[in-house]
Amino acid sequence: SVITGYPVPKGYISRTTDGGNTFSYVQYNDTGGTVNSFYFIDANTGYLTGNGKARFFKTTDGGLTWQDQSFSPILPSTSNNAVFALDTSNIFIASNTSRKIYYHKPGGDSAWKVWTLPGTAATPTDIYFKDANTGYVSGNGNYFAYTTDGGTTWTQSNPPSTVGQRKIKYVTSTSTLYLAGAYTEIYKSTNDGVTWTAINFFDGSNVNQPASSIIYGLDINGLDWAVVGTSGI
């Protein structure tokens, strides 16, 4: 069902079809939960994942209706932080469980399996595959790992930061990888995360720039960049 107004009942998400000028609320379940991540393969097919009853849902009509996909006993029973899909058969979920990535490859629901990432005490926060072989995972504890063989093996390659990395952005046109999660630095790699350089975006002389804050989101469109952090900064 679709509603308008506020407050929003449990189990609803916001949806726009005019570039964000207006939003309507769409129900994905009737019990609520916290949605942490969306990923759409195309205009119709997408996924959401999160905490509680929002663990894993799929839409095939552009987000108007959602179907619960969390019935696999292999998927974590509590919460997930991010979802990514190459297509409807190759789906990846970053779990809130330390160092666990769940993946689905062709073969039905029984094909869900789990990867254990290298290192210790890292909670995955985002996952992205630029193709079937090369993928990336970021995490709390200043964590980053990459694979070049479709997830069979992973290599840890943390950026030079002391703060957790929460968001991955890959720009296909320039073959450049970015990590966001520090206070005033975004980390950049042109070799799939093997090495990193820091981009400091804080300018104390700019009265329009807020005080430094942990970055939770990053998007890049050509020369236009946007970051968002703690408390909406």
C-alpha atoms as a PDB file:
ATOM      1  CA  SER A   1       0.000   0.000   0.000  1.00  0.00           C
ATOM      2  CA  VAL A   2       1.019   3.624  -0.548  1.00  0.00           C
ATOM      3  CA  ILE A   3       0.375   6.381   1.993  1.00  0.00           C
ATOM      4  CA  THR A   4       1.313  10.028   2.498  1.00  0.00           C
ATOM      5  CA  GLY A   5       1.873  12.164   5.577  1.00  0.00           C
ATOM      6  CA  TYR A   6       3.710  11.668   8.851  1.00  0.00           C
ATOM      7  CA  PRO A   7       4.395   9.796  11.097  1.00  0.00           C
ATOM      8  CA  VAL A   8       5.093   6.808   8.899  1.00  0.00           C
ATOM      9  CA  PRO A   9       3.822   3.417  10.134  1.00  0.00           C
ATOM     10  CA  LYS A  10       6.254   0.558  10.662  1.00  0.00           C
ATOM     11  CA  GLY A  11       7.270  -1.403   7.596  1.00  0.00           C
ATOM     12  CA  TYR A  12       7.224   1.489   5.121  1.00  0.00           C
ATOM     13  CA  ILE A  13       9.950   3.013   2.951  1.00  0.00           C
ATOM     14  CA  SER A  14      10.050   6.240   0.914  1.00  0.00           C
ATOM     15  CA  ARG A  15       9.856   6.161  -2.886  1.00  0.00           C
ATOM     16  CA  THR A  16      10.268   8.895  -5.497  1.00  0.00           C
ATOM     17  CA  THR A  17       9.597   8.887  -9.229  1.00  0.00           C
ATOM     18  CA  ASP A  18      10.441  12.540  -9.944  1.00  0.00           C
ATOM     19  CA  GLY A  19      14.080  12.767  -8.933  1.00  0.00           C
ATOM     20  CA  GLY A  20      13.409  13.396  -5.272  1.00  0.00           C
ATOM     21  CA  ASN A  21      11.009  16.340  -5.540  1.00  0.00           C
ATOM     22  CA  THR A  22       8.223  14.332  -3.914  1.00  0.00           C
ATOM     23  CA  PHE A  23       8.078  11.050  -2.006  1.00  0.00           C
ATOM     24  CA  SER A  24       5.368   8.549  -1.187  1.00  0.00           C
ATOM     25  CA  TYR A  25       5.525   5.795   1.422  1.00  0.00           C
ATOM     26  CA  VAL A  26       5.430   2.190   0.273  1.00  0.00           C
ATOM     27  CA  GLN A  27       4.850  -0.770   2.574  1.00  0.00           C
ATOM     28  CA  TYR A  28       7.364  -3.616   2.360  1.00  0.00           C
ATOM     29  CA  ASN A  29       6.142  -5.546   5.423  1.00  0.00           C
ATOM     30  CA  ASP A  30       3.669  -5.129   8.290  1.00  0.00           C
ATOM     31  CA  THR A  31       6.031  -5.443  11.253  1.00  0.00           C
ATOM     32  CA  GLY A  32       8.787  -2.907  10.628  1.00  0.00           C
ATOM     33  CA  GLY A  33      12.549  -3.170  10.889  1.00  0.00           C
ATOM     34  CA  THR A  34      15.438  -0.868  10.038  1.00  0.00           C
ATOM     35  CA  VAL A  35      16.419  -0.694   6.358  1.00  0.00           C
ATOM     36  CA  ASN A  36      20.172  -0.185   5.968  1.00  0.00           C
ATOM     37  CA  SER A  37      20.758  -0.601   2.236  1.00  0.00           C
ATOM     38  CA  PHE A  38      19.111  -0.659  -1.190  1.00  0.00           C
ATOM     39  CA  TYR A  39      20.493  -1.858  -4.497  1.00  0.00           C
ATOM     40  CA  PHE A  40      18.662  -1.843  -7.829  1.00  0.00           C
ATOM     41  CA  ILE A  41      19.872  -3.852 -10.825  1.00  0.00           C
ATOM     42  CA  ASP A  42      17.591  -1.889 -13.144  1.00  0.00           C
ATOM     43  CA  ALA A  43      14.456   0.260 -12.965  1.00  0.00           C
ATOM     44  CA  ASN A  44      12.324  -2.660 -11.808  1.00  0.00           C
ATOM     45  CA  THR A  45      14.415  -5.191  -9.879  1.00  0.00           C
ATOM     46  CA  GLY A  46      16.017  -4.274  -6.585  1.00  0.00           C
ATOM     47  CA  TYR A  47      16.809  -5.453  -3.078  1.00  0.00           C
ATOM     48  CA  LEU A  48      16.764  -4.037   0.438  1.00  0.00           C
ATOM     49  CA  THR A  49      18.424  -5.329   3.567  1.00  0.00           C
ATOM     50  CA  GLY A  50      18.582  -4.284   7.198  1.00  0.00           C
ATOM     51  CA  ASN A  51      17.793  -5.204  10.792  1.00  0.00           C
ATOM     52  CA  GLY A  52      15.019  -7.242  12.353  1.00  0.00           C
ATOM     53  CA  LYS A  53      12.144  -7.947   9.963  1.00  0.00           C
ATOM     54  CA  ALA A  54      13.874  -5.971   7.198  1.00  0.00           C
ATOM     55  CA  ARG A  55      16.577  -8.584   6.711  1.00  0.00           C
ATOM     56  CA  PHE A  56      16.240  -9.170   2.962  1.00  0.00           C
ATOM     57  CA  PHE A  57      13.494  -8.194   0.481  1.00  0.00           C
ATOM     58  CA  LYS A  58      13.179  -8.074  -3.297  1.00  0.00           C
ATOM     59  CA  THR A  59      11.064  -5.982  -5.674  1.00  0.00           C
ATOM     60  CA  THR A  60      10.360  -6.559  -9.371  1.00  0.00           C
ATOM     61  CA  ASP A  61       8.078  -3.556  -9.984  1.00  0.00           C
ATOM     62  CA  GLY A  62      10.304  -0.606  -9.141  1.00  0.00           C
ATOM     63  CA  GLY A  63       9.711  -0.723  -5.397  1.00  0.00           C
ATOM     64  CA  LEU A  64       5.899  -0.690  -5.335  1.00  0.00           C
ATOM     65  CA  THR A  65       5.700  -4.160  -3.779  1.00  0.00           C
ATOM     66  CA  TRP A  66       8.305  -6.228  -1.921  1.00  0.00           C
ATOM     67  CA  GLN A  67       8.728  -9.943  -1.264  1.00  0.00           C
ATOM     68  CA  ASP A  68      10.521 -11.373   1.775  1.00  0.00           C
ATOM     69  CA  GLN A  69      13.585 -13.354   0.650  1.00  0.00           C
ATOM     70  CA  SER A  70      15.097 -14.049   4.085  1.00  0.00           C
ATOM     71  CA  PHE A  71      13.781 -17.587   4.409  1.00  0.00           C
ATOM     72  CA  SER A  72      17.122 -19.281   3.748  1.00  0.00           C
ATOM     73  CA  PRO A  73      18.486 -20.835   6.966  1.00  0.00           C
ATOM     74  CA  ILE A  74      21.971 -19.859   5.819  1.00  0.00           C
ATOM     75  CA  LEU A  75      21.281 -16.126   5.944  1.00  0.00           C
ATOM     76  CA  PRO A  76      21.946 -14.405   9.289  1.00  0.00           C
ATOM     77  CA  SER A  77      18.937 -14.222  11.581  1.00  0.00           C
ATOM     78  CA  THR A  78      19.595 -10.744  12.988  1.00  0.00           C
ATOM     79  CA  SER A  79      20.791  -7.927  10.727  1.00  0.00           C
ATOM     80  CA  ASN A  80      22.610  -6.982   7.544  1.00  0.00           C
ATOM     81  CA  ASN A  81      24.395  -3.774   6.613  1.00  0.00           C
ATOM     82  CA  ALA A  82      24.531  -3.745   2.798  1.00  0.00           C
ATOM     83  CA  VAL A  83      23.373  -5.568  -0.324  1.00  0.00           C
ATOM     84  CA  PHE A  84      24.756  -5.643  -3.870  1.00  0.00           C
ATOM     85  CA  ALA A  85      23.778  -7.655  -6.945  1.00  0.00           C
ATOM     86  CA  LEU A  86      25.386  -8.175 -10.334  1.00  0.00           C
ATOM     87  CA  ASP A  87      22.118  -9.739 -11.532  1.00  0.00           C
ATOM     88  CA  THR A  88      19.262 -11.787 -10.071  1.00  0.00           C
ATOM     89  CA  SER A  89      21.498 -14.827  -9.606  1.00  0.00           C
ATOM     90  CA  ASN A  90      24.615 -13.170  -8.159  1.00  0.00           C
ATOM     91  CA  ILE A  91      23.726 -11.368  -4.914  1.00  0.00           C
ATOM     92  CA  PHE A  92      25.995 -10.351  -2.041  1.00  0.00           C
ATOM     93  CA  ILE A  93      25.068  -9.326   1.515  1.00  0.00           C
ATOM     94  CA  ALA A  94      27.374  -7.690   4.062  1.00  0.00           C
ATOM     95  CA  SER A  95      26.317  -9.089   7.413  1.00  0.00           C
ATOM     96  CA  ASN A  96      26.490  -7.338  10.773  1.00  0.00           C
ATOM     97  CA  THR A  97      28.320 -10.453  11.933  1.00  0.00           C
ATOM     98  CA  SER A  98      32.068  -9.992  12.157  1.00  0.00           C
ATOM     99  CA  ARG A  99      33.868 -10.709   8.850  1.00  0.00           C
ATOM    100  CA  LYS A 100      30.896 -12.498   7.235  1.00  0.00           C
ATOM    101  CA  ILE A 101      29.719 -11.981   3.659  1.00  0.00           C
ATOM    102  CA  TYR A 102      26.779 -14.016   2.350  1.00  0.00           C
ATOM    103  CA  TYR A 103      26.513 -14.695  -1.353  1.00  0.00           C
ATOM    104  CA  HIS A 104      24.039 -16.263  -3.735  1.00  0.00           C
ATOM    105  CA  LYS A 105      25.097 -17.691  -7.077  1.00  0.00           C
ATOM    106  CA  PRO A 106      23.076 -19.646  -9.672  1.00  0.00           C
ATOM    107  CA  GLY A 107      21.423 -22.741  -8.258  1.00  0.00           C
ATOM    108  CA  GLY A 108      18.440 -21.613  -6.189  1.00  0.00           C
ATOM    109  CA  ASP A 109      18.116 -20.713  -2.532  1.00  0.00           C
ATOM    110  CA  SER A 110      20.306 -23.627  -1.463  1.00  0.00           C
ATOM    111  CA  ALA A 111      23.148 -21.833  -3.243  1.00  0.00           C
ATOM    112  CA  TRP A 112      23.478 -19.262  -0.428  1.00  0.00           C
ATOM    113  CA  LYS A 113      26.933 -19.575   1.107  1.00  0.00           C
ATOM    114  CA  VAL A 114      29.177 -17.562   3.385  1.00  0.00           C
ATOM    115  CA  TRP A 115      32.656 -16.087   3.015  1.00  0.00           C
ATOM    116  CA  THR A 116      34.804 -15.352   6.069  1.00  0.00           C
ATOM    117  CA  LEU A 117      36.989 -12.340   5.409  1.00  0.00           C
ATOM    118  CA  PRO A 118      40.638 -12.141   6.524  1.00  0.00           C
ATOM    119  CA  GLY A 119      41.695 -10.210   9.604  1.00  0.00           C
ATOM    120  CA  THR A 120      39.986  -9.883  12.967  1.00  0.00           C
ATOM    121  CA  ALA A 121      37.066  -8.002  14.527  1.00  0.00           C
ATOM    122  CA  ALA A 122      35.868  -6.279  11.359  1.00  0.00           C
ATOM    123  CA  THR A 123      32.137  -5.703  10.779  1.00  0.00           C
ATOM    124  CA  PRO A 124      31.362  -5.354   7.042  1.00  0.00           C
ATOM    125  CA  THR A 125      29.514  -2.136   6.190  1.00  0.00           C
ATOM    126  CA  ASP A 126      29.439  -2.157   2.365  1.00  0.00           C
ATOM    127  CA  ILE A 127      30.118  -4.476  -0.569  1.00  0.00           C
ATOM    128  CA  TYR A 128      30.546  -3.866  -4.295  1.00  0.00           C
ATOM    129  CA  PHE A 129      31.632  -5.969  -7.287  1.00  0.00           C
ATOM    130  CA  LYS A 130      32.807  -4.162 -10.413  1.00  0.00           C
ATOM    131  CA  ASP A 131      32.497  -7.440 -12.353  1.00  0.00           C
ATOM    132  CA  ALA A 132      32.124 -11.161 -11.681  1.00  0.00           C
ATOM    133  CA  ASN A 133      35.725 -11.456 -10.459  1.00  0.00           C
ATOM    134  CA  THR A 134      36.711  -8.226  -8.712  1.00  0.00           C
ATOM    135  CA  GLY A 135      34.896  -7.136  -5.574  1.00  0.00           C
ATOM    136  CA  TYR A 136      35.412  -4.990  -2.495  1.00  0.00           C
ATOM    137  CA  VAL A 137      34.293  -4.965   1.143  1.00  0.00           C
ATOM    138  CA  SER A 138      34.597  -2.101   3.619  1.00  0.00           C
ATOM    139  CA  GLY A 139      34.079  -2.285   7.345  1.00  0.00           C
ATOM    140  CA  ASN A 140      34.347  -0.834  10.796  1.00  0.00           C
ATOM    141  CA  GLY A 141      37.778  -0.929  12.336  1.00  0.00           C
ATOM    142  CA  ASN A 142      39.228   0.824   9.248  1.00  0.00           C
ATOM    143  CA  TYR A 143      38.710  -2.343   7.235  1.00  0.00           C
ATOM    144  CA  PHE A 144      39.006  -3.035   3.516  1.00  0.00           C
ATOM    145  CA  ALA A 145      39.442  -6.275   1.555  1.00  0.00           C
ATOM    146  CA  TYR A 146      39.349  -7.122  -2.144  1.00  0.00           C
ATOM    147  CA  THR A 147      38.990 -10.228  -4.293  1.00  0.00           C
ATOM    148  CA  THR A 148      40.024 -10.826  -7.896  1.00  0.00           C
ATOM    149  CA  ASP A 149      38.720 -14.394  -8.205  1.00  0.00           C
ATOM    150  CA  GLY A 150      35.015 -13.961  -7.538  1.00  0.00           C
ATOM    151  CA  GLY A 151      35.341 -14.211  -3.764  1.00  0.00           C
ATOM    152  CA  THR A 152      37.294 -17.459  -3.514  1.00  0.00           C
ATOM    153  CA  THR A 153      40.142 -15.583  -1.833  1.00  0.00           C
ATOM    154  CA  TRP A 154      40.249 -12.140  -0.201  1.00  0.00           C
ATOM    155  CA  THR A 155      43.171  -9.828   0.543  1.00  0.00           C
ATOM    156  CA  GLN A 156      43.051  -7.247   3.323  1.00  0.00           C
ATOM    157  CA  SER A 157      44.367  -3.808   2.326  1.00  0.00           C
ATOM    158  CA  ASN A 158      43.296  -1.142   4.815  1.00  0.00           C
ATOM    159  CA  PRO A 159      43.622   2.570   3.993  1.00  0.00           C
ATOM    160  CA  PRO A 160      45.819   4.743   6.262  1.00  0.00           C
ATOM    161  CA  SER A 161      43.036   5.760   8.644  1.00  0.00           C
ATOM    162  CA  THR A 162      42.022   5.180  12.253  1.00  0.00           C
ATOM    163  CA  VAL A 163      38.265   5.346  11.606  1.00  0.00           C
ATOM    164  CA  GLY A 164      35.982   2.661  10.156  1.00  0.00           C
ATOM    165  CA  GLN A 165      35.319   2.700   6.407  1.00  0.00           C
ATOM    166  CA  ARG A 166      31.572   2.686   5.763  1.00  0.00           C
ATOM    167  CA  LYS A 167      30.936   3.356   2.076  1.00  0.00           C
ATOM    168  CA  ILE A 168      32.404   2.136  -1.219  1.00  0.00           C
ATOM    169  CA  LYS A 169      32.085   4.112  -4.438  1.00  0.00           C
ATOM    170  CA  TYR A 170      33.490   2.795  -7.730  1.00  0.00           C
ATOM    171  CA  VAL A 171      33.571   5.172 -10.709  1.00  0.00           C
ATOM    172  CA  THR A 172      33.579   3.068 -13.862  1.00  0.00           C
ATOM    173  CA  SER A 173      34.513   5.887 -16.239  1.00  0.00           C
ATOM    174  CA  THR A 174      37.836   6.451 -14.466  1.00  0.00           C
ATOM    175  CA  SER A 175      38.355   2.946 -12.992  1.00  0.00           C
ATOM    176  CA  THR A 176      38.759   4.581  -9.598  1.00  0.00           C
ATOM    177  CA  LEU A 177      37.738   3.244  -6.206  1.00  0.00           C
ATOM    178  CA  TYR A 178      36.832   5.474  -3.244  1.00  0.00           C
ATOM    179  CA  LEU A 179      36.286   4.745   0.454  1.00  0.00           C
ATOM    180  CA  ALA A 180      34.437   7.021   2.867  1.00  0.00           C
ATOM    181  CA  GLY A 181      34.214   6.772   6.627  1.00  0.00           C
ATOM    182  CA  ALA A 182      36.892   8.997   8.135  1.00  0.00           C
ATOM    183  CA  TYR A 183      36.414  12.560   9.405  1.00  0.00           C
ATOM    184  CA  THR A 184      37.901  14.760   6.683  1.00  0.00           C
ATOM    185  CA  GLU A 185      39.486  12.244   4.308  1.00  0.00           C
ATOM    186  CA  ILE A 186      38.163  10.176   1.448  1.00  0.00           C
ATOM    187  CA  TYR A 187      40.515   7.427   0.289  1.00  0.00           C
ATOM    188  CA  LYS A 188      41.210   6.796  -3.385  1.00  0.00           C
ATOM    189  CA  SER A 189      42.694   3.836  -5.242  1.00  0.00           C
ATOM    190  CA  THR A 190      43.378   3.283  -8.934  1.00  0.00           C
ATOM    191  CA  ASN A 191      44.568  -0.325  -8.515  1.00  0.00           C
ATOM    192  CA  ASP A 192      41.501  -1.996  -6.967  1.00  0.00           C
ATOM    193  CA  GLY A 193      42.450  -1.146  -3.394  1.00  0.00           C
ATOM    194  CA  VAL A 194      45.995  -2.471  -3.372  1.00  0.00           C
ATOM    195  CA  THR A 195      47.281   1.010  -2.426  1.00  0.00           C
ATOM    196  CA  TRP A 196      45.536   4.196  -1.281  1.00  0.00           C
ATOM    197  CA  THR A 197      45.927   7.960  -1.360  1.00  0.00           C
ATOM    198  CA  ALA A 198      44.006  10.402   0.847  1.00  0.00           C
ATOM    199  CA  ILE A 199      41.835  13.281  -0.360  1.00  0.00           C
ATOM    200  CA  ASN A 200      41.289  15.884   2.375  1.00  0.00           C
ATOM    201  CA  PHE A 201      38.089  17.804   1.678  1.00  0.00           C
ATOM    202  CA  PHE A 202      37.941  19.971   4.807  1.00  0.00           C
ATOM    203  CA  ASP A 203      38.440  23.705   4.244  1.00  0.00           C
ATOM    204  CA  GLY A 204      38.392  25.718   7.466  1.00  0.00           C
ATOM    205  CA  SER A 205      38.124  28.986   5.508  1.00  0.00           C
ATOM    206  CA  ASN A 206      34.822  27.947   3.915  1.00  0.00           C
ATOM    207  CA  VAL A 207      32.021  29.228   6.158  1.00  0.00           C
ATOM    208  CA  ASN A 208      29.510  26.975   4.373  1.00  0.00           C
ATOM    209  CA  GLN A 209      31.331  23.766   5.282  1.00  0.00           C
ATOM    210  CA  PRO A 210      30.232  22.169   8.565  1.00  0.00           C
ATOM    211  CA  ALA A 211      32.596  20.931  11.240  1.00  0.00           C
ATOM    212  CA  SER A 212      34.284  17.612  10.600  1.00  0.00           C
ATOM    213  CA  SER A 213      32.117  14.550  11.094  1.00  0.00           C
ATOM    214  CA  ILE A 214      32.341  10.850  10.339  1.00  0.00           C
ATOM    215  CA  ILE A 215      31.246  10.204   6.744  1.00  0.00           C
ATOM    216  CA  TYR A 216      28.473   7.661   6.222  1.00  0.00           C
ATOM    217  CA  GLY A 217      27.673   8.257   2.564  1.00  0.00           C
ATOM    218  CA  LEU A 218      29.465   9.280  -0.627  1.00  0.00           C
ATOM    219  CA  ASP A 219      28.358   9.755  -4.216  1.00  0.00           C
ATOM    220  CA  ILE A 220      30.222  11.009  -7.275  1.00  0.00           C
ATOM    221  CA  ASN A 221      28.828  12.156 -10.618  1.00  0.00           C
ATOM    222  CA  GLY A 222      31.598  13.502 -12.817  1.00  0.00           C
ATOM    223  CA  LEU A 223      33.040  16.538 -11.077  1.00  0.00           C
ATOM    224  CA  ASP A 224      30.147  16.719  -8.598  1.00  0.00           C
ATOM    225  CA  TRP A 225      30.727  15.087  -5.206  1.00  0.00           C
ATOM    226  CA  ALA A 226      28.467  14.756  -2.183  1.00  0.00           C
ATOM    227  CA  VAL A 227      29.189  13.420   1.293  1.00  0.00           C
ATOM    228  CA  VAL A 228      26.926  13.023   4.319  1.00  0.00           C
ATOM    229  CA  GLY A 229      27.864  12.197   7.889  1.00  0.00           C
ATOM    230  CA  THR A 230      26.890  12.064  11.537  1.00  0.00           C
ATOM    231  CA  SER A 231      23.650  13.905  12.420  1.00  0.00           C
ATOM    232  CA  GLY A 232      23.021  14.677   8.746  1.00  0.00           C
ATOM    233  CA  ILE A 233      26.117  16.850   8.326  1.00  0.00           C
END
